[in-house]
Amino acid sequence: MATNPRIPPEPRNSGDRKPQIVPPRPERKLAGANGGVIFALLVAAALIAAIVYYMPRAPHKSPAPTGSQAPIRPSSNQLQFSNLNLKLGPANTEVSLQGIVMNAGNRPILGSTVQLNFMDSNGKVVASVIKSLQGMSEQNGVLQTADFGTHPLQPNQSRPFQVVVSPVPGGWNHALPSMTVLTVSATR
């Protein structure tokens, strides 16, 4: 049996209702819709113009260093080293290369950077260390550090120096490392 759909108790009269003609709705225009788009475009253009105006045009150049800051390229005879020896620190945790440095140039030396190459038993470099020379001076019979920046090394003057390396390079053969002068700072 089929389901019983609800049927209205009385049959409909098709004459009760007449079709009506509904007029179309008038289209509503949003007030200022075109003006809002134009305003948004103007704001976007103003933002782009501001960004382009405030962006840097070229990289800024830093000023050239002053005379005391400009490193002078080392020459083969500007600094001369003599009496080089090694001292191991307590419990072999550091090594100190000591010697005498002489200023063979014509300007006072404010500092120098050297590269030490430590070799193994086969002559291969096991460590390459870049350090600054530490000036030394004798005070009351004891050598103490005397920075070249505060006490420049004058032309034709000699002074003890040291370079401390910590930790001791592994595999090093305990021979004097080769030393190369990388930079020399001098007054102008």
Protein backbone atom coordinates (compact mmCIF):
# COMPACT_ATOMS: atom_id res chain seq x y z
CA MET A 1 0.00 0.00 0.00
CA ALA A 2 1.11 3.44 -0.77
CA THR A 3 1.61 6.06 1.82
CA ASN A 4 -1.25 8.37 2.40
CA PRO A 5 -0.26 11.91 1.40
CA ARG A 6 -2.16 14.68 3.01
CA ILE A 7 -4.78 15.74 0.68
CA PRO A 8 -6.73 18.88 1.48
CA PRO A 9 -10.23 18.05 2.58
CA GLU A 10 -11.75 20.15 -0.17
CA PRO A 11 -10.62 20.29 -3.70
CA ARG A 12 -9.13 23.62 -4.72
CA ASN A 13 -10.97 25.91 -6.89
CA SER A 14 -8.78 27.29 -9.58
CA GLY A 15 -11.08 30.29 -9.78
CA ASP A 16 -10.30 31.55 -6.27
CA ARG A 17 -6.97 33.01 -7.16
CA LYS A 18 -5.91 34.91 -10.17
CA PRO A 19 -2.34 35.30 -11.28
CA GLN A 20 -0.91 38.69 -10.51
CA ILE A 21 1.74 40.53 -12.39
CA VAL A 22 4.52 41.67 -10.11
CA PRO A 23 6.46 44.67 -11.28
CA PRO A 24 10.25 44.13 -11.29
CA ARG A 25 12.16 45.57 -8.35
CA PRO A 26 14.01 48.71 -9.16
CA GLU A 27 17.83 48.26 -8.98
CA ARG A 28 19.25 50.04 -6.01
CA LYS A 29 22.50 51.82 -6.61
CA LEU A 30 24.79 52.02 -3.66
CA ALA A 31 25.46 55.59 -2.84
CA GLY A 32 29.15 56.41 -3.38
CA ALA A 33 30.23 52.92 -4.50
CA ASN A 34 32.27 54.30 -7.39
CA GLY A 35 33.61 57.04 -5.16
CA GLY A 36 34.85 54.43 -2.62
CA VAL A 37 36.82 52.57 -5.29
CA ILE A 38 38.38 55.78 -6.53
CA PHE A 39 39.27 56.79 -2.97
CA ALA A 40 40.92 53.39 -2.30
CA LEU A 41 42.96 53.70 -5.51
CA LEU A 42 44.13 57.19 -4.52
CA VAL A 43 45.19 55.99 -1.06
CA ALA A 44 47.10 53.04 -2.57
CA ALA A 45 48.87 55.36 -5.04
CA ALA A 46 49.81 57.73 -2.19
CA LEU A 47 51.26 54.82 -0.16
CA ILE A 48 53.33 53.58 -3.08
CA ALA A 49 54.62 57.10 -3.74
CA ALA A 50 55.60 57.49 -0.05
CA ILE A 51 57.45 54.15 -0.03
CA VAL A 52 59.39 55.01 -3.20
CA TYR A 53 60.25 58.47 -1.84
CA TYR A 54 61.62 57.21 1.50
CA MET A 55 63.56 54.21 0.15
CA PRO A 56 67.32 54.75 0.05
CA ARG A 57 68.61 55.54 -3.38
CA ALA A 58 72.15 54.23 -2.97
CA PRO A 59 74.09 52.51 -0.20
CA HIS A 60 75.50 54.87 2.38
CA LYS A 61 79.27 55.10 2.37
CA SER A 62 81.05 54.96 5.69
CA PRO A 63 83.73 57.55 6.29
CA ALA A 64 87.32 56.54 5.66
CA PRO A 65 89.22 55.49 8.76
CA THR A 66 91.47 58.00 10.44
CA GLY A 67 95.22 57.66 10.37
CA SER A 68 95.48 55.68 13.60
CA GLN A 69 92.77 53.23 12.49
CA ALA A 70 94.04 52.47 9.01
CA PRO A 71 96.17 49.33 9.02
CA ILE A 72 99.41 49.69 7.18
CA ARG A 73 100.28 46.74 5.00
CA PRO A 74 103.25 44.94 6.49
CA SER A 75 106.48 45.06 4.63
CA SER A 76 109.18 42.44 4.92
CA ASN A 77 111.38 44.69 7.02
CA GLN A 78 108.96 46.83 9.07
CA LEU A 79 108.98 44.51 12.10
CA GLN A 80 111.99 42.35 12.89
CA PHE A 81 111.83 39.48 15.37
CA SER A 82 114.66 37.89 17.35
CA ASN A 83 115.26 35.61 20.37
CA LEU A 84 112.09 33.58 19.75
CA ASN A 85 111.31 30.86 22.30
CA LEU A 86 108.33 28.89 23.57
CA LYS A 87 106.99 28.46 27.09
CA LEU A 88 104.27 26.02 28.00
CA GLY A 89 101.73 27.24 30.52
CA PRO A 90 100.47 25.41 33.60
CA ALA A 91 99.35 21.82 32.90
CA ASN A 92 100.23 22.37 29.21
CA THR A 93 96.93 24.22 28.59
CA GLU A 94 98.53 27.18 26.80
CA VAL A 95 101.69 28.02 24.94
CA SER A 96 103.41 31.40 24.85
CA LEU A 97 105.67 32.48 21.99
CA GLN A 98 108.06 35.11 23.34
CA GLY A 99 110.81 37.17 21.79
CA ILE A 100 112.05 40.63 20.89
CA VAL A 101 110.37 42.80 18.24
CA MET A 102 112.13 45.78 16.63
CA ASN A 103 110.43 48.59 14.72
CA ALA A 104 112.51 48.95 11.57
CA GLY A 105 110.00 51.40 10.03
CA ASN A 106 109.81 55.17 10.33
CA ARG A 107 106.51 55.48 12.26
CA PRO A 108 105.51 54.41 15.79
CA ILE A 109 103.77 51.01 15.87
CA LEU A 110 100.42 50.79 17.70
CA GLY A 111 99.82 47.08 17.18
CA SER A 112 100.33 44.07 14.96
CA THR A 113 98.47 40.89 14.12
CA VAL A 114 100.35 37.69 13.33
CA GLN A 115 99.41 34.22 12.11
CA LEU A 116 101.05 31.24 13.81
CA ASN A 117 101.09 27.90 11.97
CA PHE A 118 101.62 24.89 14.24
CA MET A 119 103.03 21.78 12.51
CA ASP A 120 102.82 18.08 13.26
CA SER A 121 105.71 15.59 13.05
CA ASN A 122 105.15 15.23 9.28
CA GLY A 123 105.40 18.98 8.67
CA LYS A 124 101.67 19.45 8.03
CA VAL A 125 99.80 22.37 9.59
CA VAL A 126 97.61 21.12 12.47
CA ALA A 127 96.46 24.57 13.61
CA SER A 128 96.60 28.10 12.24
CA VAL A 129 96.01 30.81 14.84
CA ILE A 130 95.66 34.58 14.31
CA LYS A 131 96.57 36.67 17.36
CA SER A 132 97.72 40.17 18.28
CA LEU A 133 101.23 40.82 19.54
CA GLN A 134 101.28 41.73 23.22
CA GLY A 135 104.02 44.18 24.08
CA MET A 136 105.96 43.54 27.27
CA SER A 137 107.97 45.84 29.52
CA GLU A 138 110.13 45.21 32.55
CA GLN A 139 108.80 46.60 35.82
CA ASN A 140 110.70 45.86 39.03
CA GLY A 141 112.63 43.08 37.28
CA VAL A 142 109.45 41.33 36.09
CA LEU A 143 108.08 41.32 32.52
CA GLN A 144 104.51 42.60 32.36
CA THR A 145 102.21 43.33 29.42
CA ALA A 146 102.51 46.84 28.01
CA ASP A 147 100.03 47.39 25.19
CA PHE A 148 101.46 48.89 21.98
CA GLY A 149 98.38 51.13 21.73
CA THR A 150 99.17 52.96 24.98
CA HIS A 151 102.97 52.61 24.68
CA PRO A 152 103.77 52.71 20.93
CA LEU A 153 106.90 50.99 19.65
CA GLN A 154 108.99 53.90 18.36
CA PRO A 155 111.18 53.66 15.22
CA ASN A 156 114.42 51.73 15.84
CA GLN A 157 113.17 50.69 19.29
CA SER A 158 113.07 47.06 20.49
CA ARG A 159 110.74 45.56 23.07
CA PRO A 160 109.89 42.09 24.36
CA PHE A 161 106.60 40.64 23.10
CA GLN A 162 104.49 37.54 23.53
CA VAL A 163 101.68 35.74 21.76
CA VAL A 164 99.61 33.42 23.97
CA VAL A 165 97.71 30.53 22.35
CA SER A 166 95.17 28.57 24.36
CA PRO A 167 94.37 25.69 24.11
CA VAL A 168 97.55 24.01 22.87
CA PRO A 169 96.89 22.62 19.36
CA GLY A 170 96.48 18.84 19.33
CA GLY A 171 99.06 16.89 17.33
CA TRP A 172 101.56 19.77 17.45
CA ASN A 173 105.22 18.70 17.36
CA HIS A 174 106.31 21.27 20.06
CA ALA A 175 108.63 23.07 17.61
CA LEU A 176 108.52 26.83 17.02
CA PRO A 177 105.48 27.64 14.86
CA SER A 178 105.99 29.62 11.68
CA MET A 179 104.96 33.27 12.15
CA THR A 180 103.60 35.60 9.46
CA VAL A 181 102.85 39.29 10.05
CA LEU A 182 99.33 40.02 8.76
CA THR A 183 98.73 43.66 9.80
CA VAL A 184 100.70 46.47 11.35
CA SER A 185 98.96 49.54 12.79
CA ALA A 186 101.01 52.70 12.97
CA THR A 187 100.45 56.41 13.51
CA ARG A 188 100.50 58.67 10.48
